[in-house]
PDB file of N, CA and C in Angstrom:
ATOM      1  N   MET A   1     156.633  62.082  71.309  1.00  0.00           N
ATOM      2  CA  MET A   1     155.232  62.252  71.569  1.00  0.00           C
ATOM      3  C   MET A   1     155.022  63.725  71.899  1.00  0.00           C
ATOM      4  N   LEU A   2     154.226  64.373  71.107  1.00  0.00           N
ATOM      5  CA  LEU A   2     153.914  65.777  71.303  1.00  0.00           C
ATOM      6  C   LEU A   2     152.472  65.863  71.778  1.00  0.00           C
ATOM      7  N   THR A   3     152.258  66.500  72.928  1.00  0.00           N
ATOM      8  CA  THR A   3     150.937  66.461  73.542  1.00  0.00           C
ATOM      9  C   THR A   3     150.648  67.705  74.365  1.00  0.00           C
ATOM     10  N   ASP A   4     149.365  67.916  74.605  1.00  0.00           N
ATOM     11  CA  ASP A   4     148.984  68.950  75.569  1.00  0.00           C
ATOM     12  C   ASP A   4     148.968  68.344  76.969  1.00  0.00           C
ATOM     13  N   GLY A   5     149.189  67.031  77.058  1.00  0.00           N
ATOM     14  CA  GLY A   5     149.347  66.366  78.349  1.00  0.00           C
ATOM     15  C   GLY A   5     148.081  66.135  79.120  1.00  0.00           C
ATOM     16  N   HIS A   6     146.956  66.215  78.457  1.00  0.00           N
ATOM     17  CA  HIS A   6     145.677  65.983  79.111  1.00  0.00           C
ATOM     18  C   HIS A   6     145.003  64.798  78.432  1.00  0.00           C
ATOM     19  N   PRO A   7     145.274  63.591  78.922  1.00  0.00           N
ATOM     20  CA  PRO A   7     144.738  62.394  78.265  1.00  0.00           C
ATOM     21  C   PRO A   7     143.219  62.332  78.323  1.00  0.00           C
ATOM     22  N   THR A   8     142.666  61.778  77.268  1.00  0.00           N
ATOM     23  CA  THR A   8     141.220  61.599  77.211  1.00  0.00           C
ATOM     24  C   THR A   8     140.845  60.123  77.307  1.00  0.00           C
ATOM     25  N   ASP A   9     141.851  59.247  77.248  1.00  0.00           N
ATOM     26  CA  ASP A   9     141.606  57.808  77.374  1.00  0.00           C
ATOM     27  C   ASP A   9     141.506  57.430  78.846  1.00  0.00           C
ATOM     28  N   PRO A  10     140.906  56.288  79.132  1.00  0.00           N
ATOM     29  CA  PRO A  10     140.800  55.838  80.526  1.00  0.00           C
ATOM     30  C   PRO A  10     142.188  55.645  81.152  1.00  0.00           C
ATOM     31  N   PRO A  11     142.348  55.952  82.429  1.00  0.00           N
ATOM     32  CA  PRO A  11     143.649  55.834  83.100  1.00  0.00           C
ATOM     33  C   PRO A  11     144.282  54.453  82.962  1.00  0.00           C
ATOM     34  N   GLU A  12     143.480  53.387  83.039  1.00  0.00           N
ATOM     35  CA  GLU A  12     144.060  52.045  82.929  1.00  0.00           C
ATOM     36  C   GLU A  12     144.637  51.793  81.539  1.00  0.00           C
ATOM     37  N   GLN A  13     144.044  52.382  80.515  1.00  0.00           N
ATOM     38  CA  GLN A  13     144.579  52.230  79.161  1.00  0.00           C
ATOM     39  C   GLN A  13     145.893  53.002  79.024  1.00  0.00           C
ATOM     40  N   ILE A  14     145.958  54.173  79.598  1.00  0.00           N
ATOM     41  CA  ILE A  14     147.190  54.967  79.570  1.00  0.00           C
ATOM     42  C   ILE A  14     148.294  54.256  80.335  1.00  0.00           C
ATOM     43  N   ASP A  15     147.958  53.656  81.469  1.00  0.00           N
ATOM     44  CA  ASP A  15     148.950  52.904  82.240  1.00  0.00           C
ATOM     45  C   ASP A  15     149.491  51.732  81.432  1.00  0.00           C
ATOM     46  N   GLU A  16     148.625  51.032  80.727  1.00  0.00           N
ATOM     47  CA  GLU A  16     149.054  49.894  79.914  1.00  0.00           C
ATOM     48  C   GLU A  16     149.993  50.351  78.789  1.00  0.00           C
ATOM     49  N   VAL A  17     149.616  51.409  78.110  1.00  0.00           N
ATOM     50  CA  VAL A  17     150.459  51.942  77.040  1.00  0.00           C
ATOM     51  C   VAL A  17     151.793  52.426  77.606  1.00  0.00           C
ATOM     52  N   SER A  18     151.767  53.059  78.750  1.00  0.00           N
ATOM     53  CA  SER A  18     152.997  53.540  79.391  1.00  0.00           C
ATOM     54  C   SER A  18     153.952  52.396  79.675  1.00  0.00           C
ATOM     55  N   GLU A  19     153.436  51.305  80.195  1.00  0.00           N
ATOM     56  CA  GLU A  19     154.287  50.145  80.487  1.00  0.00           C
ATOM     57  C   GLU A  19     154.872  49.556  79.209  1.00  0.00           C
ATOM     58  N   ARG A  20     154.072  49.504  78.162  1.00  0.00           N
ATOM     59  CA  ARG A  20     154.560  48.984  76.881  1.00  0.00           C
ATOM     60  C   ARG A  20     155.648  49.885  76.305  1.00  0.00           C
ATOM     61  N   LEU A  21     155.468  51.199  76.419  1.00  0.00           N
ATOM     62  CA  LEU A  21     156.478  52.133  75.938  1.00  0.00           C
ATOM     63  C   LEU A  21     157.786  51.982  76.708  1.00  0.00           C
ATOM     64  N   LYS A  22     157.690  51.900  78.028  1.00  0.00           N
ATOM     65  CA  LYS A  22     158.904  51.776  78.846  1.00  0.00           C
ATOM     66  C   LYS A  22     159.631  50.473  78.552  1.00  0.00           C
ATOM     67  N   LEU A  23     158.903  49.388  78.350  1.00  0.00           N
ATOM     68  CA  LEU A  23     159.522  48.104  78.000  1.00  0.00           C
ATOM     69  C   LEU A  23     160.213  48.205  76.643  1.00  0.00           C
ATOM     70  N   ALA A  24     159.551  48.812  75.674  1.00  0.00           N
ATOM     71  CA  ALA A  24     160.144  48.977  74.348  1.00  0.00           C
ATOM     72  C   ALA A  24     161.413  49.822  74.415  1.00  0.00           C
ATOM     73  N   GLU A  25     161.429  50.828  75.280  1.00  0.00           N
ATOM     74  CA  GLU A  25     162.640  51.644  75.453  1.00  0.00           C
ATOM     75  C   GLU A  25     163.766  50.827  76.078  1.00  0.00           C
ATOM     76  N   LYS A  26     163.440  50.070  77.101  1.00  0.00           N
ATOM     77  CA  LYS A  26     164.466  49.253  77.760  1.00  0.00           C
ATOM     78  C   LYS A  26     165.055  48.234  76.796  1.00  0.00           C
ATOM     79  N   GLU A  27     164.240  47.745  75.876  1.00  0.00           N
ATOM     80  CA  GLU A  27     164.704  46.783  74.869  1.00  0.00           C
ATOM     81  C   GLU A  27     165.328  47.476  73.658  1.00  0.00           C
ATOM     82  N   LYS A  28     165.439  48.803  73.722  1.00  0.00           N
ATOM     83  CA  LYS A  28     166.045  49.635  72.670  1.00  0.00           C
ATOM     84  C   LYS A  28     165.346  49.484  71.327  1.00  0.00           C
ATOM     85  N   ARG A  29     164.017  49.314  71.381  1.00  0.00           N
ATOM     86  CA  ARG A  29     163.227  49.260  70.149  1.00  0.00           C
ATOM     87  C   ARG A  29     162.713  50.636  69.759  1.00  0.00           C
ATOM     88  N   VAL A  30     162.580  51.538  70.729  1.00  0.00           N
ATOM     89  CA  VAL A  30     162.137  52.913  70.478  1.00  0.00           C
ATOM     90  C   VAL A  30     162.839  53.844  71.460  1.00  0.00           C
ATOM     91  N   ALA A  31     162.804  55.110  71.139  1.00  0.00           N
ATOM     92  CA  ALA A  31     163.240  56.160  72.069  1.00  0.00           C
ATOM     93  C   ALA A  31     162.061  57.115  72.179  1.00  0.00           C
ATOM     94  N   VAL A  32     161.506  57.241  73.369  1.00  0.00           N
ATOM     95  CA  VAL A  32     160.327  58.079  73.577  1.00  0.00           C
ATOM     96  C   VAL A  32     160.744  59.384  74.245  1.00  0.00           C
ATOM     97  N   PHE A  33     160.369  60.475  73.602  1.00  0.00           N
ATOM     98  CA  PHE A  33     160.566  61.798  74.168  1.00  0.00           C
ATOM     99  C   PHE A  33     159.185  62.416  74.298  1.00  0.00           C
ATOM    100  N   SER A  34     158.773  62.701  75.499  1.00  0.00           N
ATOM    101  CA  SER A  34     157.488  63.367  75.733  1.00  0.00           C
ATOM    102  C   SER A  34     157.726  64.864  75.699  1.00  0.00           C
ATOM    103  N   VAL A  35     157.038  65.540  74.796  1.00  0.00           N
ATOM    104  CA  VAL A  35     157.160  66.987  74.659  1.00  0.00           C
ATOM    105  C   VAL A  35     155.774  67.586  74.850  1.00  0.00           C
ATOM    106  N   SER A  36     155.679  68.506  75.776  1.00  0.00           N
ATOM    107  CA  SER A  36     154.378  69.108  76.072  1.00  0.00           C
ATOM    108  C   SER A  36     154.324  70.545  75.580  1.00  0.00           C
ATOM    109  N   VAL A  37     153.113  70.962  75.303  1.00  0.00           N
ATOM    110  CA  VAL A  37     152.842  72.360  74.988  1.00  0.00           C
ATOM    111  C   VAL A  37     151.864  72.879  76.027  1.00  0.00           C
ATOM    112  N   GLU A  38     151.884  74.196  76.176  1.00  0.00           N
ATOM    113  CA  GLU A  38     150.935  74.854  77.073  1.00  0.00           C
ATOM    114  C   GLU A  38     150.976  74.300  78.497  1.00  0.00           C
ATOM    115  N   SER A  39     149.814  74.051  79.065  1.00  0.00           N
ATOM    116  CA  SER A  39     149.706  73.669  80.477  1.00  0.00           C
ATOM    117  C   SER A  39     149.519  72.165  80.625  1.00  0.00           C
ATOM    118  N   ALA A  40     150.468  71.411  80.154  1.00  0.00           N
ATOM    119  CA  ALA A  40     150.367  69.948  80.186  1.00  0.00           C
ATOM    120  C   ALA A  40     150.459  69.411  81.604  1.00  0.00           C
ATOM    121  N   ASN A  41     149.914  68.235  81.783  1.00  0.00           N
ATOM    122  CA  ASN A  41     149.997  67.517  83.053  1.00  0.00           C
ATOM    123  C   ASN A  41     151.340  66.781  83.086  1.00  0.00           C
ATOM    124  N   MET A  42     152.371  67.464  83.571  1.00  0.00           N
ATOM    125  CA  MET A  42     153.734  66.911  83.555  1.00  0.00           C
ATOM    126  C   MET A  42     153.846  65.666  84.424  1.00  0.00           C
ATOM    127  N   ALA A  43     153.108  65.614  85.501  1.00  0.00           N
ATOM    128  CA  ALA A  43     153.143  64.429  86.366  1.00  0.00           C
ATOM    129  C   ALA A  43     152.671  63.197  85.597  1.00  0.00           C
ATOM    130  N   ARG A  44     151.638  63.356  84.799  1.00  0.00           N
ATOM    131  CA  ARG A  44     151.125  62.232  84.008  1.00  0.00           C
ATOM    132  C   ARG A  44     152.133  61.826  82.943  1.00  0.00           C
ATOM    133  N   LEU A  45     152.799  62.804  82.329  1.00  0.00           N
ATOM    134  CA  LEU A  45     153.790  62.502  81.302  1.00  0.00           C
ATOM    135  C   LEU A  45     155.010  61.782  81.872  1.00  0.00           C
ATOM    136  N   ARG A  46     155.347  62.064  83.131  1.00  0.00           N
ATOM    137  CA  ARG A  46     156.514  61.421  83.747  1.00  0.00           C
ATOM    138  C   ARG A  46     156.388  59.898  83.807  1.00  0.00           C
ATOM    139  N   VAL A  47     155.185  59.389  83.880  1.00  0.00           N
ATOM    140  CA  VAL A  47     155.008  57.939  83.995  1.00  0.00           C
ATOM    141  C   VAL A  47     154.980  57.251  82.633  1.00  0.00           C
ATOM    142  N   MET A  48     155.024  58.009  81.553  1.00  0.00           N
ATOM    143  CA  MET A  48     154.885  57.418  80.223  1.00  0.00           C
ATOM    144  C   MET A  48     156.206  57.066  79.565  1.00  0.00           C
ATOM    145  N   SER A  49     157.318  57.487  80.127  1.00  0.00           N
ATOM    146  CA  SER A  49     158.612  57.258  79.497  1.00  0.00           C
ATOM    147  C   SER A  49     159.690  57.155  80.559  1.00  0.00           C
ATOM    148  N   ILE A  50     160.817  56.568  80.173  1.00  0.00           N
ATOM    149  CA  ILE A  50     161.930  56.498  81.116  1.00  0.00           C
ATOM    150  C   ILE A  50     162.680  57.831  81.183  1.00  0.00           C
ATOM    151  N   ARG A  51     162.438  58.718  80.214  1.00  0.00           N
ATOM    152  CA  ARG A  51     163.046  60.048  80.216  1.00  0.00           C
ATOM    153  C   ARG A  51     162.068  61.057  80.813  1.00  0.00           C
ATOM    154  N   PRO A  52     162.598  62.097  81.447  1.00  0.00           N
ATOM    155  CA  PRO A  52     161.688  63.134  81.953  1.00  0.00           C
ATOM    156  C   PRO A  52     161.036  63.871  80.781  1.00  0.00           C
ATOM    157  N   PRO A  53     159.805  64.323  80.949  1.00  0.00           N
ATOM    158  CA  PRO A  53     159.147  65.055  79.868  1.00  0.00           C
ATOM    159  C   PRO A  53     159.783  66.422  79.669  1.00  0.00           C
ATOM    160  N   LEU A  54     159.668  66.907  78.460  1.00  0.00           N
ATOM    161  CA  LEU A  54     160.181  68.224  78.103  1.00  0.00           C
ATOM    162  C   LEU A  54     159.006  69.155  77.835  1.00  0.00           C
ATOM    163  N   ARG A  55     159.203  70.426  78.136  1.00  0.00           N
ATOM    164  CA  ARG A  55     158.163  71.419  77.836  1.00  0.00           C
ATOM    165  C   ARG A  55     158.687  72.313  76.709  1.00  0.00           C
ATOM    166  N   LEU A  56     157.915  72.408  75.640  1.00  0.00           N
ATOM    167  CA  LEU A  56     158.266  73.263  74.521  1.00  0.00           C
ATOM    168  C   LEU A  56     158.184  74.721  74.970  1.00  0.00           C
ATOM    169  N   VAL A  57     159.262  75.471  74.784  1.00  0.00           N
ATOM    170  CA  VAL A  57     159.254  76.877  75.203  1.00  0.00           C
ATOM    171  C   VAL A  57     158.955  77.776  74.005  1.00  0.00           C
ATOM    172  N   GLU A  58     158.138  78.762  74.254  1.00  0.00           N
ATOM    173  CA  GLU A  58     157.814  79.799  73.275  1.00  0.00           C
ATOM    174  C   GLU A  58     157.384  79.232  71.921  1.00  0.00           C
ATOM    175  N   MET A  59     156.753  78.059  71.945  1.00  0.00           N
ATOM    176  CA  MET A  59     156.237  77.431  70.724  1.00  0.00           C
ATOM    177  C   MET A  59     157.299  77.308  69.631  1.00  0.00           C
ATOM    178  N   LYS A  60     158.506  76.919  70.022  1.00  0.00           N
ATOM    179  CA  LYS A  60     159.623  76.790  69.078  1.00  0.00           C
ATOM    180  C   LYS A  60     159.580  75.434  68.358  1.00  0.00           C
ATOM    181  N   PHE A  61     158.502  75.218  67.619  1.00  0.00           N
ATOM    182  CA  PHE A  61     158.348  73.966  66.886  1.00  0.00           C
ATOM    183  C   PHE A  61     159.458  73.781  65.859  1.00  0.00           C
ATOM    184  N   GLY A  62     159.833  74.850  65.175  1.00  0.00           N
ATOM    185  CA  GLY A  62     160.893  74.758  64.164  1.00  0.00           C
ATOM    186  C   GLY A  62     162.187  74.239  64.757  1.00  0.00           C
ATOM    187  N   ASN A  63     162.601  74.815  65.891  1.00  0.00           N
ATOM    188  CA  ASN A  63     163.831  74.374  66.562  1.00  0.00           C
ATOM    189  C   ASN A  63     163.732  72.907  66.970  1.00  0.00           C
ATOM    190  N   MET A  64     162.563  72.515  67.459  1.00  0.00           N
ATOM    191  CA  MET A  64     162.370  71.140  67.903  1.00  0.00           C
ATOM    192  C   MET A  64     162.527  70.170  66.727  1.00  0.00           C
ATOM    193  N   PHE A  65     161.909  70.499  65.582  1.00  0.00           N
ATOM    194  CA  PHE A  65     161.982  69.593  64.444  1.00  0.00           C
ATOM    195  C   PHE A  65     163.372  69.564  63.813  1.00  0.00           C
ATOM    196  N   VAL A  66     164.103  70.668  63.844  1.00  0.00           N
ATOM    197  CA  VAL A  66     165.498  70.661  63.376  1.00  0.00           C
ATOM    198  C   VAL A  66     166.322  69.739  64.272  1.00  0.00           C
ATOM    199  N   TRP A  67     166.173  69.880  65.599  1.00  0.00           N
ATOM    200  CA  TRP A  67     166.894  69.018  66.545  1.00  0.00           C
ATOM    201  C   TRP A  67     166.539  67.554  66.307  1.00  0.00           C
ATOM    202  N   LEU A  68     165.265  67.268  66.136  1.00  0.00           N
ATOM    203  CA  LEU A  68     164.819  65.900  65.899  1.00  0.00           C
ATOM    204  C   LEU A  68     165.426  65.340  64.618  1.00  0.00           C
ATOM    205  N   SER A  69     165.419  66.112  63.558  1.00  0.00           N
ATOM    206  CA  SER A  69     165.991  65.677  62.284  1.00  0.00           C
ATOM    207  C   SER A  69     167.490  65.391  62.425  1.00  0.00           C
ATOM    208  N   GLN A  70     168.219  66.298  63.078  1.00  0.00           N
ATOM    209  CA  GLN A  70     169.657  66.092  63.277  1.00  0.00           C
ATOM    210  C   GLN A  70     169.922  64.867  64.146  1.00  0.00           C
ATOM    211  N   SER A  71     169.108  64.672  65.155  1.00  0.00           N
ATOM    212  CA  SER A  71     169.266  63.511  66.038  1.00  0.00           C
ATOM    213  C   SER A  71     169.015  62.219  65.272  1.00  0.00           C
ATOM    214  N   MET A  72     167.974  62.210  64.454  1.00  0.00           N
ATOM    215  CA  MET A  72     167.666  61.010  63.673  1.00  0.00           C
ATOM    216  C   MET A  72     168.774  60.716  62.665  1.00  0.00           C
ATOM    217  N   SER A  73     169.398  61.752  62.124  1.00  0.00           N
ATOM    218  CA  SER A  73     170.527  61.549  61.208  1.00  0.00           C
ATOM    219  C   SER A  73     171.682  60.877  61.934  1.00  0.00           C
ATOM    220  N   ARG A  74     171.968  61.321  63.158  1.00  0.00           N
ATOM    221  CA  ARG A  74     173.032  60.696  63.944  1.00  0.00           C
ATOM    222  C   ARG A  74     172.716  59.228  64.213  1.00  0.00           C
ATOM    223  N   VAL A  75     171.496  58.957  64.589  1.00  0.00           N
ATOM    224  CA  VAL A  75     171.087  57.584  64.898  1.00  0.00           C
ATOM    225  C   VAL A  75     171.162  56.720  63.645  1.00  0.00           C
ATOM    226  N   SER A  76     170.726  57.240  62.513  1.00  0.00           N
ATOM    227  CA  SER A  76     170.704  56.439  61.285  1.00  0.00           C
ATOM    228  C   SER A  76     172.110  56.102  60.795  1.00  0.00           C
ATOM    229  N   ARG A  77     173.108  56.903  61.163  1.00  0.00           N
ATOM    230  CA  ARG A  77     174.491  56.622  60.779  1.00  0.00           C
ATOM    231  C   ARG A  77     175.199  55.705  61.769  1.00  0.00           C
ATOM    232  N   SER A  78     174.539  55.365  62.853  1.00  0.00           N
ATOM    233  CA  SER A  78     175.171  54.545  63.895  1.00  0.00           C
ATOM    234  C   SER A  78     174.858  53.069  63.690  1.00  0.00           C
ATOM    235  N   ARG A  79     175.575  52.250  64.446  1.00  0.00           N
ATOM    236  CA  ARG A  79     175.299  50.812  64.468  1.00  0.00           C
ATOM    237  C   ARG A  79     174.430  50.509  65.680  1.00  0.00           C
ATOM    238  N   MET A  80     173.775  49.369  65.653  1.00  0.00           N
ATOM    239  CA  MET A  80     172.870  48.982  66.748  1.00  0.00           C
ATOM    240  C   MET A  80     173.558  49.047  68.111  1.00  0.00           C
ATOM    241  N   SER A  81     174.830  48.687  68.166  1.00  0.00           N
ATOM    242  CA  SER A  81     175.537  48.633  69.451  1.00  0.00           C
ATOM    243  C   SER A  81     176.085  49.994  69.887  1.00  0.00           C
ATOM    244  N   ASP A  82     176.026  51.002  69.021  1.00  0.00           N
ATOM    245  CA  ASP A  82     176.557  52.325  69.342  1.00  0.00           C
ATOM    246  C   ASP A  82     175.666  53.070  70.333  1.00  0.00           C
ATOM    247  N   GLU A  83     176.313  53.815  71.192  1.00  0.00           N
ATOM    248  CA  GLU A  83     175.612  54.747  72.079  1.00  0.00           C
ATOM    249  C   GLU A  83     175.669  56.103  71.379  1.00  0.00           C
ATOM    250  N   VAL A  84     174.529  56.676  71.074  1.00  0.00           N
ATOM    251  CA  VAL A  84     174.476  57.935  70.325  1.00  0.00           C
ATOM    252  C   VAL A  84     174.204  59.078  71.287  1.00  0.00           C
ATOM    253  N   ASP A  85     175.132  60.050  71.313  1.00  0.00           N
ATOM    254  CA  ASP A  85     174.948  61.236  72.143  1.00  0.00           C
ATOM    255  C   ASP A  85     174.106  62.249  71.387  1.00  0.00           C
ATOM    256  N   LEU A  86     173.103  62.767  72.054  1.00  0.00           N
ATOM    257  CA  LEU A  86     172.262  63.786  71.452  1.00  0.00           C
ATOM    258  C   LEU A  86     172.750  65.160  71.878  1.00  0.00           C
ATOM    259  N   ASP A  87     172.502  66.156  71.058  1.00  0.00           N
ATOM    260  CA  ASP A  87     172.959  67.522  71.314  1.00  0.00           C
ATOM    261  C   ASP A  87     172.066  68.184  72.369  1.00  0.00           C
ATOM    262  N   VAL A  88     172.502  68.101  73.615  1.00  0.00           N
ATOM    263  CA  VAL A  88     171.716  68.626  74.724  1.00  0.00           C
ATOM    264  C   VAL A  88     171.657  70.153  74.666  1.00  0.00           C
ATOM    265  N   ASN A  89     172.739  70.799  74.235  1.00  0.00           N
ATOM    266  CA  ASN A  89     172.729  72.265  74.146  1.00  0.00           C
ATOM    267  C   ASN A  89     171.666  72.732  73.155  1.00  0.00           C
ATOM    268  N   GLU A  90     171.577  72.067  72.019  1.00  0.00           N
ATOM    269  CA  GLU A  90     170.561  72.433  71.029  1.00  0.00           C
ATOM    270  C   GLU A  90     169.163  72.121  71.554  1.00  0.00           C
ATOM    271  N   LEU A  91     169.026  71.017  72.263  1.00  0.00           N
ATOM    272  CA  LEU A  91     167.743  70.649  72.868  1.00  0.00           C
ATOM    273  C   LEU A  91     167.253  71.766  73.790  1.00  0.00           C
ATOM    274  N   MET A  92     168.165  72.334  74.546  1.00  0.00           N
ATOM    275  CA  MET A  92     167.775  73.372  75.507  1.00  0.00           C
ATOM    276  C   MET A  92     167.415  74.700  74.818  1.00  0.00           C
ATOM    277  N   SER A  93     167.629  74.785  73.486  1.00  0.00           N
ATOM    278  CA  SER A  93     167.217  76.001  72.766  1.00  0.00           C
ATOM    279  C   SER A  93     165.709  76.022  72.529  1.00  0.00           C
ATOM    280  N   TRP A  94     165.062  74.877  72.691  1.00  0.00           N
ATOM    281  CA  TRP A  94     163.607  74.830  72.446  1.00  0.00           C
ATOM    282  C   TRP A  94     162.813  74.171  73.581  1.00  0.00           C
ATOM    283  N   ALA A  95     163.507  73.579  74.545  1.00  0.00           N
ATOM    284  CA  ALA A  95     162.797  72.841  75.595  1.00  0.00           C
ATOM    285  C   ALA A  95     163.385  73.135  76.964  1.00  0.00           C
ATOM    286  N   LYS A  96     162.558  72.882  77.959  1.00  0.00           N
ATOM    287  CA  LYS A  96     163.043  72.884  79.340  1.00  0.00           C
ATOM    288  C   LYS A  96     162.498  71.639  80.030  1.00  0.00           C
ATOM    289  N   VAL A  97     163.274  71.150  80.976  1.00  0.00           N
ATOM    290  CA  VAL A  97     162.880  69.929  81.698  1.00  0.00           C
ATOM    291  C   VAL A  97     162.010  70.309  82.859  1.00  0.00           C
TER     292      VAL A  97
END
């Protein structure tokens, strides 16, 4: 999820979506990564996923999409029961927690 972190939907709707996202993550149906640009509301993003939100540094969209593509390749080659390690060093080339 790439966002400026300033929701325009009603808070109760965001809370409902957040709970659905967290449940889907716990059931391993999705992996949610909140990535913010500019002056995002990081506190609001923290409640939307089981992972801490990331802040895109220096608008490094290219680095982010390369990391995402490589990560998806690793996941697509794995089995459902596999634990897939993501490249944290590469992640830190475009994001900060």
